[in-house]
Protein backbone atom coordinates (compact mmCIF):
# COMPACT_ATOMS: atom_id res chain seq x y z
CA UNK A 1 99.69 -50.14 25.86
CA UNK A 2 101.30 -47.74 23.42
CA UNK A 3 100.31 -49.94 20.54
CA UNK A 4 96.64 -49.83 21.66
CA UNK A 5 96.78 -46.05 21.99
CA UNK A 6 98.23 -45.67 18.49
CA UNK A 7 95.53 -47.91 17.07
CA UNK A 8 92.69 -45.94 18.80
CA UNK A 9 93.89 -42.53 17.60
CA UNK A 10 93.02 -43.16 13.93
CA UNK A 11 89.51 -44.21 14.97
CA UNK A 12 89.17 -41.00 17.04
CA UNK A 13 90.12 -38.84 14.01
CA UNK A 14 87.65 -40.72 11.83
CA UNK A 15 84.91 -40.09 14.42
CA UNK A 16 85.66 -36.34 14.50
CA UNK A 17 85.59 -36.11 10.68
CA UNK A 18 82.26 -37.95 10.45
CA UNK A 19 80.78 -35.75 13.16
CA UNK A 20 81.74 -32.50 11.40
CA UNK A 21 80.43 -33.80 8.08
CA UNK A 22 77.03 -34.60 9.60
CA UNK A 23 76.79 -31.15 11.18
CA UNK A 24 77.75 -29.29 8.00
CA UNK A 25 75.35 -31.40 5.86
CA UNK A 26 72.24 -30.24 7.71
CA UNK A 27 70.24 -27.57 5.83
CA UNK A 28 69.78 -24.17 7.52
CA UNK A 29 66.42 -23.36 9.13
CA UNK A 30 63.89 -21.92 6.59
CA UNK A 31 62.56 -18.42 7.04
CA UNK A 32 58.85 -18.17 7.75
CA UNK A 33 56.65 -17.76 4.65
CA UNK A 34 54.87 -14.52 3.86
CA UNK A 35 51.48 -16.09 4.65
CA UNK A 36 52.71 -17.17 8.07
CA UNK A 37 54.04 -13.72 8.71
CA UNK A 38 50.70 -12.17 7.82
CA UNK A 39 48.89 -14.60 10.07
CA UNK A 40 50.87 -13.30 13.06
CA UNK A 41 50.12 -9.65 12.32
CA UNK A 42 47.64 -8.39 14.95
CA UNK A 43 44.25 -7.27 13.65
CA UNK A 44 44.83 -3.81 15.04
CA UNK A 45 47.73 -3.30 12.58
CA UNK A 46 45.49 -3.98 9.51
CA UNK A 47 44.65 -0.86 7.47
CA UNK A 48 41.23 0.69 8.17
CA UNK A 49 38.57 0.01 5.46
CA UNK A 50 36.00 2.75 4.67
CA UNK A 51 32.45 1.88 5.80
CA UNK A 52 30.07 0.99 2.95
CA UNK A 53 27.43 3.63 2.25
CA UNK A 54 23.87 2.37 2.76
CA UNK A 55 21.63 2.74 -0.27
CA UNK A 56 18.83 5.29 0.03
CA UNK A 57 16.07 2.68 -0.13
CA UNK A 58 17.29 0.72 2.91
CA UNK A 59 14.46 0.72 5.51
CA UNK A 60 14.91 2.78 8.65
CA UNK A 61 13.75 -0.27 10.62
CA UNK A 62 15.12 -3.59 9.39
CA UNK A 63 12.77 -6.54 9.11
CA UNK A 64 13.84 -9.68 11.03
CA UNK A 65 15.28 -12.61 9.05
CA UNK A 66 12.69 -14.97 7.63
CA UNK A 67 14.00 -18.03 9.47
CA UNK A 68 14.14 -16.34 12.85
CA UNK A 69 11.09 -16.86 15.06
CA UNK A 70 9.16 -13.60 15.25
CA UNK A 71 6.13 -12.45 17.19
CA UNK A 72 3.11 -10.52 15.91
CA UNK A 73 3.83 -7.45 13.78
CA UNK A 74 3.70 -4.36 15.99
CA UNK A 75 3.28 -1.26 13.82
CA UNK A 76 3.44 1.06 16.83
CA UNK A 77 6.89 -0.22 17.85
CA UNK A 78 8.14 0.01 14.27
CA UNK A 79 7.11 3.67 14.02
CA UNK A 80 8.47 4.45 17.50
CA UNK A 81 11.82 2.88 16.61
CA UNK A 82 12.03 4.86 13.36
CA UNK A 83 11.26 8.11 15.20
CA UNK A 84 9.39 11.21 14.07
CA UNK A 85 5.87 9.70 13.89
CA UNK A 86 4.48 10.39 17.39
CA UNK A 87 1.44 12.38 16.12
CA UNK A 88 0.52 9.66 13.65
CA UNK A 89 0.86 7.03 16.40
CA UNK A 90 -1.33 9.04 18.78
CA UNK A 91 -4.16 9.39 16.24
CA UNK A 92 -3.93 5.69 15.35
CA UNK A 93 -4.37 4.81 19.02
CA UNK A 94 -7.12 7.34 19.79
CA UNK A 95 -9.26 6.16 16.88
CA UNK A 96 -8.36 2.47 17.47
CA UNK A 97 -7.40 2.16 13.81
CA UNK A 98 -4.16 0.61 15.05
CA UNK A 99 -6.21 -2.38 16.27
CA UNK A 100 -7.71 -2.82 12.82
CA UNK A 101 -4.24 -2.69 11.23
CA UNK A 102 -2.68 -5.26 13.52
CA UNK A 103 -5.71 -7.56 13.29
CA UNK A 104 -5.38 -7.56 9.52
CA UNK A 105 -1.67 -8.32 9.66
CA UNK A 106 -1.61 -10.91 12.44
CA UNK A 107 -4.99 -12.66 12.41
CA UNK A 108 -5.96 -12.55 8.76
CA UNK A 109 -2.42 -12.49 7.30
CA UNK A 110 -3.52 -9.75 4.92
CA UNK A 111 -0.93 -7.54 3.27
CA UNK A 112 -0.88 -3.79 3.83
CA UNK A 113 0.90 -0.64 2.64
CA UNK A 114 0.96 2.40 4.95
CA UNK A 115 1.79 6.00 4.05
CA UNK A 116 3.02 7.42 7.37
CA UNK A 117 3.03 11.24 7.66
CA UNK A 118 5.82 12.66 9.79
CA UNK A 119 5.32 15.04 12.72
CA UNK A 120 6.40 17.89 10.43
CA UNK A 121 3.66 16.85 7.98
CA UNK A 122 0.99 17.32 10.67
CA UNK A 123 2.60 20.61 11.74
CA UNK A 124 2.09 21.82 8.17
CA UNK A 125 -1.71 21.61 8.47
CA UNK A 126 -3.77 24.70 9.21
CA UNK A 127 -4.33 25.30 12.89
CA UNK A 128 -7.33 23.41 14.23
CA UNK A 129 -7.63 21.08 11.23
CA UNK A 130 -7.56 17.86 13.25
CA UNK A 131 -9.73 19.25 16.07
CA UNK A 132 -12.44 20.20 13.57
CA UNK A 133 -12.81 16.60 12.41
CA UNK A 134 -15.28 14.14 13.88
CA UNK A 135 -14.11 10.72 15.03
CA UNK A 136 -15.56 9.19 11.86
CA UNK A 137 -13.66 11.70 9.70
CA UNK A 138 -10.41 10.93 11.54
CA UNK A 139 -10.93 7.20 10.97
CA UNK A 140 -11.49 7.78 7.26
CA UNK A 141 -8.47 10.11 7.11
CA UNK A 142 -6.25 7.37 8.56
CA UNK A 143 -7.76 4.67 6.35
CA UNK A 144 -7.02 6.92 3.37
CA UNK A 145 -3.33 6.36 4.19
CA UNK A 146 -3.75 2.54 4.00
CA UNK A 147 -3.65 0.43 0.82
CA UNK A 148 -5.10 -3.12 1.15
CA UNK A 149 -2.07 -4.82 -0.44
CA UNK A 150 1.71 -5.00 -0.16
CA UNK A 151 3.32 -2.74 -2.78
CA UNK A 152 7.13 -2.74 -3.11
CA UNK A 153 8.70 0.57 -4.03
CA UNK A 154 9.46 -0.68 -7.55
CA UNK A 155 5.84 -1.69 -8.23
CA UNK A 156 4.51 1.87 -8.11
CA UNK A 157 5.70 2.26 -11.71
CA UNK A 158 2.97 -0.09 -12.96
CA UNK A 159 0.14 0.66 -10.52
CA UNK A 160 -3.32 1.50 -11.91
CA UNK A 161 -5.01 4.80 -11.04
CA UNK A 162 -7.06 5.75 -9.18
CA UNK A 163 -5.60 3.64 -6.39
CA UNK A 164 -8.16 2.15 -3.99
CA UNK A 165 -7.56 2.85 -0.32
CA UNK A 166 -9.31 1.49 2.76
CA UNK A 167 -11.26 4.73 3.25
CA UNK A 168 -14.06 4.44 0.71
CA UNK A 169 -14.79 4.58 -3.00
CA UNK A 170 -12.48 6.33 -5.44
CA UNK A 171 -14.99 9.13 -6.21
CA UNK A 172 -14.92 10.74 -2.78
CA UNK A 173 -11.45 9.42 -1.91
CA UNK A 174 -9.39 9.45 -5.13
CA UNK A 175 -5.66 8.75 -4.92
CA UNK A 176 -3.30 8.84 -7.89
CA UNK A 177 0.28 7.57 -7.78
CA UNK A 178 2.80 8.18 -10.57
CA UNK A 179 6.56 7.86 -10.87
CA UNK A 180 9.22 10.10 -12.36
CA UNK A 181 12.41 8.05 -12.53
CA UNK A 182 12.93 6.81 -8.97
CA UNK A 183 10.59 9.42 -7.44
CA UNK A 184 7.10 8.28 -6.39
CA UNK A 185 4.51 11.07 -6.61
CA UNK A 186 1.20 10.99 -4.70
CA UNK A 187 -1.77 13.24 -5.50
CA UNK A 188 -5.11 13.46 -3.65
CA UNK A 189 -6.62 16.26 -5.74
CA UNK A 190 -5.85 18.64 -2.87
CA UNK A 191 -2.30 17.64 -1.89
CA UNK A 192 0.75 16.64 -3.90
CA UNK A 193 3.69 14.95 -2.19
CA UNK A 194 6.31 12.23 -2.67
CA UNK A 195 7.55 9.17 -0.79
CA UNK A 196 10.64 10.41 1.03
CA UNK A 197 11.84 7.08 2.45
CA UNK A 198 11.10 3.47 3.32
CA UNK A 199 10.40 2.96 7.02
CA UNK A 200 9.83 -0.82 7.00
CA UNK A 201 9.22 -3.71 4.61
CA UNK A 202 8.92 -7.49 5.12
CA UNK A 203 6.98 -8.78 2.06
CA UNK A 204 3.67 -8.47 3.93
CA UNK A 205 3.84 -4.94 5.30
CA UNK A 206 5.37 -1.83 3.74
CA UNK A 207 5.55 1.52 5.54
CA UNK A 208 6.62 4.58 3.56
CA UNK A 209 7.38 8.04 4.93
CA UNK A 210 5.50 10.99 3.43
CA UNK A 211 6.17 14.64 4.25
CA UNK A 212 2.57 15.83 3.87
CA UNK A 213 -0.73 14.56 5.27
CA UNK A 214 -2.86 13.10 2.47
CA UNK A 215 -6.08 15.14 2.51
CA UNK A 216 -8.97 13.43 0.68
CA UNK A 217 -11.60 15.36 -1.26
CA UNK A 218 -14.43 13.50 0.49
CA UNK A 219 -13.57 15.16 3.84
CA UNK A 220 -11.93 18.48 3.00
CA UNK A 221 -13.70 19.44 -0.25
CA UNK A 222 -16.92 17.42 -0.57
CA UNK A 223 -18.48 17.43 -4.01
CA UNK A 224 -21.98 16.34 -5.02
CA UNK A 225 -22.35 12.73 -5.86
CA UNK A 226 -22.88 11.91 -9.52
CA UNK A 227 -26.54 11.56 -10.52
CA UNK A 228 -27.99 8.09 -10.68
CA UNK A 229 -28.21 6.67 -14.19
CA UNK A 230 -31.54 7.31 -15.92
CA UNK A 231 -33.82 4.29 -16.31
CA UNK A 232 -33.75 2.60 -19.66
CA UNK A 233 -36.63 3.71 -21.95
CA UNK A 234 -39.40 1.12 -22.46
CA UNK A 235 -40.61 -0.17 -25.81
CA UNK A 236 -42.77 2.40 -27.60
CA UNK A 237 -45.76 1.54 -29.70
CA UNK A 238 -45.63 2.42 -33.37
CA UNK A 239 -46.84 5.96 -34.13
CA UNK A 240 -49.68 4.77 -36.37
CA UNK A 241 -51.02 2.50 -33.64
CA UNK A 242 -50.90 5.35 -31.13
CA UNK A 243 -52.91 7.61 -33.48
CA UNK A 244 -55.58 4.95 -34.06
CA UNK A 245 -56.01 4.44 -30.32
CA UNK A 246 -56.29 8.17 -29.79
CA UNK A 247 -58.95 8.66 -32.49
CA UNK A 248 -61.15 5.64 -31.71
CA UNK A 249 -64.38 6.47 -29.80
CA UNK A 250 -64.87 5.03 -26.35
CA UNK A 251 -68.33 4.43 -24.90
CA UNK A 252 -69.05 4.73 -21.22
CA UNK A 253 -72.13 4.80 -19.01
CA UNK A 254 -72.46 7.86 -16.85
CA UNK A 255 -74.04 8.00 -13.38
CA UNK A 256 -77.52 8.88 -14.72
CA UNK A 257 -77.60 5.78 -16.88
CA UNK A 258 -76.86 7.74 -20.06
CA UNK A 259 -74.34 6.65 -22.63
CA UNK A 260 -71.39 8.94 -23.22
CA UNK A 261 -69.13 8.55 -26.24
CA UNK A 262 -65.71 10.18 -26.00
CA UNK A 263 -63.03 10.82 -28.58
CA UNK A 264 -59.53 12.00 -27.74
CA UNK A 265 -60.52 12.23 -24.09
CA UNK A 266 -63.27 14.79 -24.84
CA UNK A 267 -67.03 14.16 -24.49
CA UNK A 268 -68.70 14.13 -27.92
CA UNK A 269 -72.26 13.76 -26.95
CA UNK A 270 -74.49 12.05 -24.41
CA UNK A 271 -77.96 10.71 -24.92
CA UNK A 272 -80.23 9.64 -22.13
CA UNK A 273 -81.82 6.23 -22.61
CA UNK A 274 -85.33 7.60 -21.99
CA UNK A 275 -84.92 10.41 -24.54
CA UNK A 276 -83.78 7.92 -27.15
CA UNK A 277 -86.85 5.74 -26.66
CA UNK A 278 -89.22 8.73 -26.98
CA UNK A 279 -87.58 9.85 -30.17
CA UNK A 280 -87.85 6.37 -31.62
CA UNK A 281 -91.58 6.26 -30.78
CA UNK A 282 -92.26 9.38 -32.90
CA UNK A 283 -91.11 7.55 -36.01
């Protein structure tokens, strides 16, 4: 029994030594990496970033993405959402010009550019200006603010003057647009103003804010129409031929049966047929 105990003790010591060696040989646990540490930082602890400043030419009303399904273009809602155009909206509705605009955009797929005067622009008119206009004049006034094409803000630098509007010809309704750097100037001959902002743009429709109502000459300062071009002169006969025709005698028979010979439109002499026969008989 003692001999077995003595034999087992060396094996016990060997087991203890091997156990301690295995424990000490294991590598210590690694500290979490910096990326893992950052991943566990709550979002609220991240430093605040300053908000990006919107550029000045960003529209007040954003156009929907191209791929998103959209309904018909509603100019009234666009202006209402932008704010500050209630007078312009009211006149568009009262004259039914808004129907013409939306028909062009939605049924015919025509492009359009609108200069939208603000409420302050209408307040700047003389008292009673709008009330003194007939319905036809109001329609033409609104159409004067419409260009029959889509014009991006950058394309005004190369536009040709006078610019044609939907009101009428460019004699009674002239409109000139020029640029000075990034400023777009508009002149009607009576009013000078600038585009003060982009309300909306979607590659078919552009709406720009103007701070003055565009007053056309054809309504507020009518001028006489230019005279019609004179007819082209006909071919003239040579002078010599005209003189020969003027000097040649022309014979005609008057009412009494006499013969009258004229020269240069004047009567030279007239001889009655009976008197001529009598005179011939004497000889």
